[in-house]
Amino acid sequence: MKPGEGAVAVLMLLCVFLILTAYYVMKTAREGLILSGGTFGLGGDELKVYASGAMALLLIGVVPAYSYLANRVKRIRLINVSYIVVVGSLITFAVLGAAGVPVGLPFFIWLGLVNVFLIAQFWSYANDLYSEEQGKRLFAIIAIGGSLGAIFGPYVAKLADTFTLLGIAAAILVGTIVLFNVIERMQQGVHAEHGDKTEPMTGKGGFALVLSDRYLLLIACMLLVANLVNTTGEYILSNAAKEHAFALTQDEGQRREIIKAFYSDFFMWVNLVSFMIQAFLVSRIISKLGV
């Protein structure tokens, strides 16, 4: 870091830490919600597969709409409104779920969309905040917060029941809103000194950016293949977790908590191992073998 960069970089690290913590709290709760029951004659493991397809279809319309807004609304206002909508939705899901309304499928689809936007929005904001030279130096440091949040979130998910977790995630995201606004105030002073503006987020929309760059298009194709593999693995794991819970109890509420407890341990250990590999092995492997 260079002089004057430390405070904002640390706040950005904390910000993405809270985002990933909240996401994994919600994701762990989501698994219990969708796998403990079923609907439309399908089990929860099958519903997850169809829900992933529904998310992809919805994103085709949502991504251009979001890009349109992002280019016309001040960035901090866009972030504030987005997070307030997410927090309000979480509280609604928590109240409906506690009242016995089956929210597993809609919550699964909703979180799939929200996850894309919370993380993409953070890095879009970071891209606006920093120059290319700063990004090359600071993004790897900031990203450590996300890796640690992905470990801490599943641990937090072990401490409460499913519907309480939705309230906890909402409270964490409120803290994220506060951090964004503190960062924006600090940056406004810097921009004012240099005569810069802090208006809407800049750049092409998601689809336009990918389609105009062969490098990004190939990454998108690689992610498509990776997700085909991941979806198959997810189905196998979900089926095993569901069958185990159903063998232990016929009560849907108890099944939900059993599945949630399994996934909290699973996500925590997978993300911890991933963090250790990224921190200590990746740079050494690339230095020996190249990209």
Protein backbone atom coordinates (compact mmCIF):
# COMPACT_ATOMS: atom_id res chain seq x y z
CA MET A 1 0.00 0.00 0.00
CA LYS A 2 1.03 3.59 -0.60
CA PRO A 3 0.48 6.48 1.86
CA GLY A 4 -3.20 7.44 2.10
CA GLU A 5 -4.54 4.13 0.75
CA GLY A 6 -4.60 2.09 3.94
CA ALA A 7 -7.82 3.25 5.61
CA VAL A 8 -10.05 2.80 2.56
CA ALA A 9 -8.42 -0.53 1.64
CA VAL A 10 -9.03 -1.91 5.15
CA LEU A 11 -12.66 -0.73 5.05
CA MET A 12 -13.11 -2.35 1.64
CA LEU A 13 -11.62 -5.57 3.04
CA LEU A 14 -14.10 -5.44 5.95
CA CYS A 15 -16.91 -4.68 3.53
CA VAL A 16 -16.34 -7.75 1.35
CA PHE A 17 -15.77 -9.79 4.53
CA LEU A 18 -19.28 -8.87 5.70
CA ILE A 19 -20.80 -9.52 2.27
CA LEU A 20 -19.35 -13.05 2.09
CA THR A 21 -20.17 -13.73 5.74
CA ALA A 22 -23.81 -12.77 5.14
CA TYR A 23 -23.90 -14.75 1.89
CA TYR A 24 -22.69 -17.96 3.51
CA VAL A 25 -25.07 -17.51 6.41
CA MET A 26 -27.89 -17.25 3.86
CA LYS A 27 -26.51 -20.04 1.66
CA THR A 28 -26.28 -22.47 4.58
CA ALA A 29 -29.85 -21.63 5.61
CA ARG A 30 -30.95 -22.01 1.98
CA GLU A 31 -29.76 -25.62 1.76
CA GLY A 32 -31.83 -26.66 4.76
CA LEU A 33 -34.88 -24.81 3.47
CA ILE A 34 -34.97 -26.38 0.01
CA LEU A 35 -33.71 -29.90 0.81
CA SER A 36 -35.89 -30.58 3.86
CA GLY A 37 -39.14 -30.56 1.86
CA GLY A 38 -40.32 -30.63 -1.74
CA THR A 39 -42.91 -29.21 -4.09
CA PHE A 40 -44.46 -29.88 -7.51
CA GLY A 41 -43.86 -33.58 -6.85
CA LEU A 42 -40.08 -33.06 -6.79
CA GLY A 43 -37.60 -33.58 -3.98
CA GLY A 44 -35.39 -30.75 -2.80
CA ASP A 45 -32.31 -32.08 -4.61
CA GLU A 46 -34.21 -32.08 -7.92
CA LEU A 47 -35.71 -28.66 -7.21
CA LYS A 48 -32.20 -27.20 -6.87
CA VAL A 49 -31.36 -28.25 -10.43
CA TYR A 50 -34.50 -26.71 -11.93
CA ALA A 51 -34.12 -23.61 -9.75
CA SER A 52 -30.62 -23.06 -11.18
CA GLY A 53 -32.14 -23.03 -14.67
CA ALA A 54 -34.78 -20.54 -13.53
CA MET A 55 -32.05 -18.28 -12.14
CA ALA A 56 -30.18 -18.32 -15.44
CA LEU A 57 -33.33 -17.33 -17.35
CA LEU A 58 -34.13 -14.53 -14.91
CA LEU A 59 -30.58 -13.17 -15.11
CA ILE A 60 -30.95 -12.74 -18.89
CA GLY A 61 -33.47 -10.00 -18.15
CA VAL A 62 -32.12 -8.73 -14.85
CA VAL A 63 -28.50 -8.08 -15.91
CA PRO A 64 -29.35 -5.55 -18.69
CA ALA A 65 -31.91 -3.85 -16.42
CA TYR A 66 -29.31 -3.48 -13.67
CA SER A 67 -26.72 -2.18 -16.15
CA TYR A 68 -29.22 0.43 -17.31
CA LEU A 69 -29.77 1.63 -13.73
CA ALA A 70 -26.08 1.51 -12.81
CA ASN A 71 -25.22 3.91 -15.64
CA ARG A 72 -27.87 6.43 -14.62
CA VAL A 73 -28.05 6.44 -10.82
CA LYS A 74 -25.36 7.68 -8.42
CA ARG A 75 -23.38 4.69 -7.29
CA ILE A 76 -23.91 5.10 -3.53
CA ARG A 77 -27.64 5.56 -4.01
CA LEU A 78 -27.76 2.41 -6.17
CA ILE A 79 -25.90 0.47 -3.47
CA ASN A 80 -28.08 1.79 -0.65
CA VAL A 81 -31.33 0.97 -2.44
CA SER A 82 -30.06 -2.47 -3.48
CA TYR A 83 -29.09 -3.41 0.06
CA ILE A 84 -32.28 -2.03 1.60
CA VAL A 85 -34.30 -4.20 -0.81
CA VAL A 86 -32.19 -7.25 0.10
CA VAL A 87 -32.53 -6.61 3.85
CA GLY A 88 -36.29 -6.11 3.51
CA SER A 89 -36.60 -9.33 1.50
CA LEU A 90 -34.64 -11.28 4.13
CA ILE A 91 -36.93 -10.07 6.90
CA THR A 92 -39.96 -11.02 4.79
CA PHE A 93 -38.61 -14.53 4.15
CA ALA A 94 -37.84 -14.95 7.85
CA VAL A 95 -41.35 -13.92 8.93
CA LEU A 96 -43.08 -16.05 6.28
CA GLY A 97 -40.88 -19.08 7.02
CA ALA A 98 -41.44 -18.84 10.76
CA ALA A 99 -45.18 -18.67 10.06
CA GLY A 100 -45.02 -21.99 8.20
CA VAL A 101 -45.13 -20.69 4.63
CA PRO A 102 -42.96 -22.88 2.30
CA VAL A 103 -40.27 -20.44 1.17
CA GLY A 104 -37.51 -22.90 0.20
CA LEU A 105 -37.83 -22.67 -3.60
CA PRO A 106 -38.39 -18.88 -3.91
CA PHE A 107 -35.60 -18.22 -1.40
CA PHE A 108 -33.20 -20.45 -3.35
CA ILE A 109 -33.89 -18.59 -6.61
CA TRP A 110 -33.82 -15.18 -4.89
CA LEU A 111 -30.47 -15.85 -3.23
CA GLY A 112 -28.96 -17.07 -6.50
CA LEU A 113 -29.77 -13.70 -8.07
CA VAL A 114 -28.78 -11.66 -5.01
CA ASN A 115 -25.44 -13.45 -4.72
CA VAL A 116 -24.49 -12.46 -8.26
CA PHE A 117 -25.33 -8.82 -7.66
CA LEU A 118 -23.90 -8.29 -4.18
CA ILE A 119 -20.48 -9.58 -5.20
CA ALA A 120 -20.48 -8.07 -8.70
CA GLN A 121 -21.66 -4.74 -7.31
CA PHE A 122 -18.84 -4.68 -4.76
CA TRP A 123 -16.15 -5.26 -7.38
CA SER A 124 -17.78 -2.77 -9.77
CA TYR A 125 -17.60 -0.22 -6.96
CA ALA A 126 -13.95 -1.15 -6.26
CA ASN A 127 -13.20 -0.78 -9.99
CA ASP A 128 -14.67 2.72 -9.92
CA LEU A 129 -12.81 3.57 -6.73
CA TYR A 130 -9.32 2.60 -7.85
CA SER A 131 -7.17 3.14 -10.91
CA GLU A 132 -5.83 0.13 -12.83
CA GLU A 133 -2.44 0.52 -11.15
CA GLN A 134 -4.01 0.61 -7.69
CA GLY A 135 -6.26 -2.34 -8.49
CA LYS A 136 -3.27 -4.52 -9.42
CA ARG A 137 -1.72 -3.80 -6.03
CA LEU A 138 -4.77 -3.66 -3.75
CA PHE A 139 -7.44 -6.04 -5.08
CA ALA A 140 -5.60 -9.16 -3.91
CA ILE A 141 -5.34 -7.67 -0.40
CA ILE A 142 -9.01 -6.65 -0.34
CA ALA A 143 -10.08 -10.08 -1.63
CA ILE A 144 -8.64 -11.68 1.52
CA GLY A 145 -11.69 -10.29 3.32
CA GLY A 146 -13.98 -12.29 1.04
CA SER A 147 -12.04 -15.51 1.63
CA LEU A 148 -12.20 -15.03 5.40
CA GLY A 149 -15.92 -14.18 5.24
CA ALA A 150 -16.54 -17.43 3.35
CA ILE A 151 -14.96 -19.31 6.27
CA PHE A 152 -16.60 -17.28 9.05
CA GLY A 153 -20.12 -17.26 7.56
CA PRO A 154 -20.72 -21.03 7.79
CA TYR A 155 -19.38 -20.95 11.38
CA VAL A 156 -21.93 -18.27 12.29
CA ALA A 157 -24.62 -20.44 10.67
CA LYS A 158 -24.00 -23.13 13.30
CA LEU A 159 -25.02 -20.77 16.11
CA ALA A 160 -28.73 -20.31 15.37
CA ASP A 161 -31.76 -21.94 13.74
CA THR A 162 -32.55 -21.38 10.08
CA PHE A 163 -35.02 -18.49 10.29
CA THR A 164 -32.98 -16.65 12.93
CA LEU A 165 -30.06 -16.83 10.50
CA LEU A 166 -31.99 -14.77 7.96
CA GLY A 167 -32.30 -11.99 10.54
CA ILE A 168 -28.60 -12.26 11.37
CA ALA A 169 -27.72 -11.97 7.67
CA ALA A 170 -29.93 -8.88 7.40
CA ALA A 171 -28.13 -7.27 10.36
CA ILE A 172 -24.71 -8.03 8.80
CA LEU A 173 -25.79 -6.40 5.53
CA VAL A 174 -26.93 -3.28 7.41
CA GLY A 175 -23.33 -3.05 8.65
CA THR A 176 -22.19 -3.33 5.03
CA ILE A 177 -24.37 -0.36 4.06
CA VAL A 178 -22.72 1.70 6.80
CA LEU A 179 -19.24 0.77 5.56
CA PHE A 180 -20.08 1.64 1.95
CA ASN A 181 -21.27 5.08 3.00
CA VAL A 182 -18.20 5.72 5.16
CA ILE A 183 -15.95 4.74 2.24
CA GLU A 184 -17.92 6.96 -0.13
CA ARG A 185 -17.58 9.97 2.21
CA MET A 186 -13.84 9.42 2.47
CA GLN A 187 -13.51 9.13 -1.30
CA GLN A 188 -15.60 12.22 -1.95
CA GLY A 189 -12.95 14.27 -0.18
CA VAL A 190 -10.23 12.76 -2.36
CA HIS A 191 -12.24 13.27 -5.56
CA ALA A 192 -13.08 16.86 -4.61
CA GLU A 193 -9.37 17.65 -4.29
CA HIS A 194 -8.76 16.37 -7.82
CA GLY A 195 -11.96 17.75 -9.37
CA ASP A 196 -13.37 14.27 -10.05
CA LYS A 197 -17.03 13.26 -9.93
CA THR A 198 -18.57 10.37 -8.05
CA GLU A 199 -21.61 9.92 -10.23
CA PRO A 200 -22.93 6.60 -11.58
CA MET A 201 -20.77 3.50 -11.97
CA THR A 202 -19.05 3.53 -15.34
CA GLY A 203 -18.32 1.02 -18.09
CA LYS A 204 -20.24 -1.29 -20.39
CA GLY A 205 -23.10 -3.49 -19.23
CA GLY A 206 -22.41 -7.12 -18.37
CA PHE A 207 -23.38 -8.82 -21.64
CA ALA A 208 -21.93 -6.06 -23.84
CA LEU A 209 -18.61 -6.24 -22.00
CA VAL A 210 -18.30 -10.03 -22.34
CA LEU A 211 -19.40 -10.18 -25.97
CA SER A 212 -17.00 -7.42 -27.02
CA ASP A 213 -13.93 -9.13 -25.54
CA ARG A 214 -12.80 -12.58 -26.75
CA TYR A 215 -10.81 -13.13 -23.56
CA LEU A 216 -13.88 -12.55 -21.35
CA LEU A 217 -16.04 -14.63 -23.70
CA LEU A 218 -13.68 -17.60 -23.31
CA ILE A 219 -13.75 -17.17 -19.52
CA ALA A 220 -17.57 -17.23 -19.71
CA CYS A 221 -17.40 -20.48 -21.72
CA MET A 222 -14.99 -21.95 -19.18
CA LEU A 223 -17.41 -21.01 -16.36
CA LEU A 224 -20.25 -22.65 -18.28
CA VAL A 225 -18.34 -25.95 -18.38
CA ALA A 226 -17.27 -25.58 -14.74
CA ASN A 227 -20.87 -25.02 -13.68
CA LEU A 228 -22.04 -28.12 -15.56
CA VAL A 229 -19.54 -30.13 -13.50
CA ASN A 230 -20.43 -28.28 -10.29
CA THR A 231 -24.18 -28.74 -10.75
CA THR A 232 -23.71 -32.50 -11.12
CA GLY A 233 -21.59 -32.64 -7.98
CA GLU A 234 -24.08 -30.44 -6.12
CA TYR A 235 -26.91 -32.81 -7.02
CA ILE A 236 -25.01 -35.84 -5.72
CA LEU A 237 -24.14 -34.08 -2.45
CA SER A 238 -27.66 -32.66 -2.00
CA ASN A 239 -29.19 -36.07 -2.58
CA ALA A 240 -26.90 -37.66 0.03
CA ALA A 241 -27.66 -34.93 2.60
CA LYS A 242 -31.40 -35.17 1.96
CA GLU A 243 -31.48 -38.98 2.21
CA HIS A 244 -29.50 -38.87 5.45
CA ALA A 245 -31.89 -36.33 7.02
CA PHE A 246 -34.98 -38.23 5.87
CA ALA A 247 -33.57 -41.44 7.37
CA LEU A 248 -33.17 -39.73 10.75
CA THR A 249 -36.56 -38.04 11.12
CA GLN A 250 -39.91 -37.45 9.42
CA ASP A 251 -40.29 -33.97 10.90
CA GLU A 252 -39.55 -31.33 8.25
CA GLY A 253 -38.31 -28.77 10.79
CA GLN A 254 -35.82 -31.22 12.27
CA ARG A 255 -34.68 -32.28 8.81
CA ARG A 256 -34.09 -28.64 7.92
CA GLU A 257 -31.82 -28.11 10.93
CA ILE A 258 -29.91 -31.38 10.34
CA ILE A 259 -29.19 -30.40 6.73
CA LYS A 260 -28.27 -26.85 7.76
CA ALA A 261 -25.80 -28.18 10.35
CA PHE A 262 -24.18 -30.48 7.78
CA TYR A 263 -23.76 -27.71 5.22
CA SER A 264 -22.35 -25.27 7.79
CA ASP A 265 -19.51 -27.71 8.50
CA PHE A 266 -19.12 -28.58 4.82
CA PHE A 267 -18.89 -24.98 3.59
CA MET A 268 -16.56 -23.95 6.42
CA TRP A 269 -14.03 -26.72 5.75
CA VAL A 270 -14.17 -26.42 1.95
CA ASN A 271 -13.62 -22.65 2.14
CA LEU A 272 -10.85 -23.02 4.72
CA VAL A 273 -8.98 -25.51 2.52
CA SER A 274 -9.56 -23.25 -0.52
CA PHE A 275 -8.16 -20.26 1.37
CA MET A 276 -5.04 -22.20 2.41
CA ILE A 277 -4.47 -23.33 -1.19
CA GLN A 278 -4.92 -19.78 -2.53
CA ALA A 279 -2.69 -18.26 0.16
CA PHE A 280 0.19 -20.72 0.17
CA LEU A 281 0.17 -22.89 -2.96
CA VAL A 282 -1.18 -20.98 -5.99
CA SER A 283 1.67 -18.44 -6.30
CA ARG A 284 4.28 -21.20 -5.88
CA ILE A 285 2.63 -23.46 -8.45
CA ILE A 286 2.36 -20.63 -11.00
CA SER A 287 5.97 -19.59 -10.39
CA LYS A 288 7.08 -23.16 -11.17
CA LEU A 289 4.69 -24.08 -14.01
CA GLY A 290 3.49 -20.71 -15.35
CA VAL A 291 -0.13 -19.85 -16.06
